[in-house]
Amino acid sequence: MSRDFEIKGLDKLEKQLDQMAKNAEELGKKNTVTFSELFTDSFIKSHSKFSSFDELAVAGNFDVSSTEAFEAISDKDWNDWITQSTDFSNWKEMQQTAGLEFAKGQLGF
């Protein structure tokens, strides 16, 4: 006794998987990601009481107006501020989470 089943939605799934593969290929070509791509307003709002990365930094009295200014910030002071003002335990965790969320978004998840 043989039964034939029709599975609906496979075409849509196949298109989604193809798009994800294309997105992964494009992501693999990208060598750098900007700060604004990682630390979007949405990301900051989701993990703190602030509405932007700049607002988060200014509230902690940090100058992030340039790469040089940001790099001049004491690692300990910045890490302490991130721990105090976000739901992350440290700056490294915040960076890793932002990177993961960026990659997921680029892949279409």
C-alpha atoms as a PDB file:
ATOM      1  CA  MET A   1       0.000   0.000   0.000  1.00  0.00           C
ATOM      2  CA  SER A   2       1.648   3.187  -1.207  1.00  0.00           C
ATOM      3  CA  ARG A   3       0.671   6.678  -0.194  1.00  0.00           C
ATOM      4  CA  ASP A   4       1.790   9.828  -1.888  1.00  0.00           C
ATOM      5  CA  PHE A   5       2.236  12.895   0.244  1.00  0.00           C
ATOM      6  CA  GLU A   6       2.438  16.425  -1.004  1.00  0.00           C
ATOM      7  CA  ILE A   7       4.606  18.638   1.117  1.00  0.00           C
ATOM      8  CA  LYS A   8       3.710  22.271   0.750  1.00  0.00           C
ATOM      9  CA  GLY A   9       6.091  25.117   1.322  1.00  0.00           C
ATOM     10  CA  LEU A  10       9.258  23.456   0.039  1.00  0.00           C
ATOM     11  CA  ASP A  11       9.687  26.019  -2.724  1.00  0.00           C
ATOM     12  CA  LYS A  12       9.524  28.821  -0.186  1.00  0.00           C
ATOM     13  CA  LEU A  13      11.993  27.024   2.094  1.00  0.00           C
ATOM     14  CA  GLU A  14      14.355  26.411  -0.815  1.00  0.00           C
ATOM     15  CA  LYS A  15      14.274  30.115  -1.735  1.00  0.00           C
ATOM     16  CA  GLN A  16      14.956  31.091   1.869  1.00  0.00           C
ATOM     17  CA  LEU A  17      17.897  28.685   2.080  1.00  0.00           C
ATOM     18  CA  ASP A  18      19.288  29.972  -1.218  1.00  0.00           C
ATOM     19  CA  GLN A  19      19.023  33.550   0.049  1.00  0.00           C
ATOM     20  CA  MET A  20      20.748  32.613   3.312  1.00  0.00           C
ATOM     21  CA  ALA A  21      23.576  30.981   1.339  1.00  0.00           C
ATOM     22  CA  LYS A  22      23.976  34.135  -0.769  1.00  0.00           C
ATOM     23  CA  ASN A  23      23.948  36.278   2.365  1.00  0.00           C
ATOM     24  CA  ALA A  24      26.606  34.057   3.972  1.00  0.00           C
ATOM     25  CA  GLU A  25      28.777  34.384   0.876  1.00  0.00           C
ATOM     26  CA  GLU A  26      28.457  38.180   0.955  1.00  0.00           C
ATOM     27  CA  LEU A  27      29.169  38.274   4.685  1.00  0.00           C
ATOM     28  CA  GLY A  28      32.298  36.198   4.097  1.00  0.00           C
ATOM     29  CA  LYS A  29      33.577  38.833   1.666  1.00  0.00           C
ATOM     30  CA  LYS A  30      33.180  41.636   4.181  1.00  0.00           C
ATOM     31  CA  ASN A  31      36.461  42.377   5.960  1.00  0.00           C
ATOM     32  CA  THR A  32      35.309  45.129   8.279  1.00  0.00           C
ATOM     33  CA  VAL A  33      32.171  46.098  10.101  1.00  0.00           C
ATOM     34  CA  THR A  34      31.621  49.652  11.265  1.00  0.00           C
ATOM     35  CA  PHE A  35      30.796  50.605  14.816  1.00  0.00           C
ATOM     36  CA  SER A  36      27.405  51.896  13.708  1.00  0.00           C
ATOM     37  CA  GLU A  37      26.632  48.570  12.005  1.00  0.00           C
ATOM     38  CA  LEU A  38      27.394  46.679  15.220  1.00  0.00           C
ATOM     39  CA  PHE A  39      26.057  49.035  17.854  1.00  0.00           C
ATOM     40  CA  THR A  40      22.810  50.119  16.255  1.00  0.00           C
ATOM     41  CA  ASP A  41      20.285  52.199  18.139  1.00  0.00           C
ATOM     42  CA  SER A  42      18.077  49.130  18.314  1.00  0.00           C
ATOM     43  CA  PHE A  43      20.886  47.066  19.856  1.00  0.00           C
ATOM     44  CA  ILE A  44      21.672  49.737  22.448  1.00  0.00           C
ATOM     45  CA  LYS A  45      17.984  50.184  23.327  1.00  0.00           C
ATOM     46  CA  SER A  46      17.624  46.425  23.787  1.00  0.00           C
ATOM     47  CA  HIS A  47      20.526  46.177  26.203  1.00  0.00           C
ATOM     48  CA  SER A  48      20.480  49.463  28.121  1.00  0.00           C
ATOM     49  CA  LYS A  49      18.313  52.413  29.072  1.00  0.00           C
ATOM     50  CA  PHE A  50      19.979  54.515  26.370  1.00  0.00           C
ATOM     51  CA  SER A  51      18.773  55.105  22.835  1.00  0.00           C
ATOM     52  CA  SER A  52      22.123  55.255  21.048  1.00  0.00           C
ATOM     53  CA  PHE A  53      25.778  54.362  21.486  1.00  0.00           C
ATOM     54  CA  ASP A  54      26.674  58.051  21.653  1.00  0.00           C
ATOM     55  CA  GLU A  55      24.115  58.621  24.404  1.00  0.00           C
ATOM     56  CA  LEU A  56      25.527  55.657  26.339  1.00  0.00           C
ATOM     57  CA  ALA A  57      29.054  57.044  26.044  1.00  0.00           C
ATOM     58  CA  VAL A  58      28.142  60.648  26.881  1.00  0.00           C
ATOM     59  CA  ALA A  59      26.207  59.526  29.976  1.00  0.00           C
ATOM     60  CA  GLY A  60      29.425  57.941  31.219  1.00  0.00           C
ATOM     61  CA  ASN A  61      31.435  61.084  30.381  1.00  0.00           C
ATOM     62  CA  PHE A  62      33.339  59.336  27.584  1.00  0.00           C
ATOM     63  CA  ASP A  63      34.466  60.987  24.358  1.00  0.00           C
ATOM     64  CA  VAL A  64      33.713  58.754  21.370  1.00  0.00           C
ATOM     65  CA  SER A  65      33.829  61.515  18.759  1.00  0.00           C
ATOM     66  CA  SER A  66      36.680  59.797  16.905  1.00  0.00           C
ATOM     67  CA  THR A  67      38.508  56.493  16.786  1.00  0.00           C
ATOM     68  CA  GLU A  68      41.468  58.106  18.516  1.00  0.00           C
ATOM     69  CA  ALA A  69      39.293  59.484  21.312  1.00  0.00           C
ATOM     70  CA  PHE A  70      37.623  56.116  21.843  1.00  0.00           C
ATOM     71  CA  GLU A  71      40.952  54.280  21.882  1.00  0.00           C
ATOM     72  CA  ALA A  72      42.250  56.737  24.510  1.00  0.00           C
ATOM     73  CA  ILE A  73      39.555  55.676  26.997  1.00  0.00           C
ATOM     74  CA  SER A  74      40.834  53.597  29.889  1.00  0.00           C
ATOM     75  CA  ASP A  75      39.890  49.952  29.327  1.00  0.00           C
ATOM     76  CA  LYS A  76      39.009  49.536  32.990  1.00  0.00           C
ATOM     77  CA  ASP A  77      36.822  52.650  33.114  1.00  0.00           C
ATOM     78  CA  TRP A  78      34.994  51.692  29.903  1.00  0.00           C
ATOM     79  CA  ASN A  79      34.515  48.096  31.018  1.00  0.00           C
ATOM     80  CA  ASP A  80      33.181  49.262  34.388  1.00  0.00           C
ATOM     81  CA  TRP A  81      30.742  51.625  32.638  1.00  0.00           C
ATOM     82  CA  ILE A  82      29.476  48.892  30.303  1.00  0.00           C
ATOM     83  CA  THR A  83      28.971  46.563  33.273  1.00  0.00           C
ATOM     84  CA  GLN A  84      27.099  49.272  35.188  1.00  0.00           C
ATOM     85  CA  SER A  85      24.964  50.673  32.380  1.00  0.00           C
ATOM     86  CA  THR A  86      24.061  47.669  30.207  1.00  0.00           C
ATOM     87  CA  ASP A  87      22.881  44.115  30.722  1.00  0.00           C
ATOM     88  CA  PHE A  88      26.351  42.822  29.782  1.00  0.00           C
ATOM     89  CA  SER A  89      28.910  41.635  32.286  1.00  0.00           C
ATOM     90  CA  ASN A  90      31.733  43.345  30.352  1.00  0.00           C
ATOM     91  CA  TRP A  91      32.725  45.128  27.134  1.00  0.00           C
ATOM     92  CA  LYS A  92      33.949  41.927  25.475  1.00  0.00           C
ATOM     93  CA  GLU A  93      30.561  40.258  25.981  1.00  0.00           C
ATOM     94  CA  MET A  94      28.833  43.315  24.504  1.00  0.00           C
ATOM     95  CA  GLN A  95      31.083  43.214  21.423  1.00  0.00           C
ATOM     96  CA  GLN A  96      30.559  39.480  20.949  1.00  0.00           C
ATOM     97  CA  THR A  97      26.787  39.799  21.225  1.00  0.00           C
ATOM     98  CA  ALA A  98      26.727  42.725  18.800  1.00  0.00           C
ATOM     99  CA  GLY A  99      28.831  40.738  16.336  1.00  0.00           C
ATOM    100  CA  LEU A 100      26.581  37.712  16.606  1.00  0.00           C
ATOM    101  CA  GLU A 101      23.429  39.795  16.141  1.00  0.00           C
ATOM    102  CA  PHE A 102      25.004  41.543  13.144  1.00  0.00           C
ATOM    103  CA  ALA A 103      25.917  38.220  11.515  1.00  0.00           C
ATOM    104  CA  LYS A 104      22.467  36.767  12.169  1.00  0.00           C
ATOM    105  CA  GLY A 105      20.873  39.811  10.581  1.00  0.00           C
ATOM    106  CA  GLN A 106      23.135  39.594   7.552  1.00  0.00           C
ATOM    107  CA  LEU A 107      22.338  35.906   7.123  1.00  0.00           C
ATOM    108  CA  GLY A 108      18.604  36.532   7.331  1.00  0.00           C
ATOM    109  CA  PHE A 109      17.804  34.973  10.694  1.00  0.00           C
END
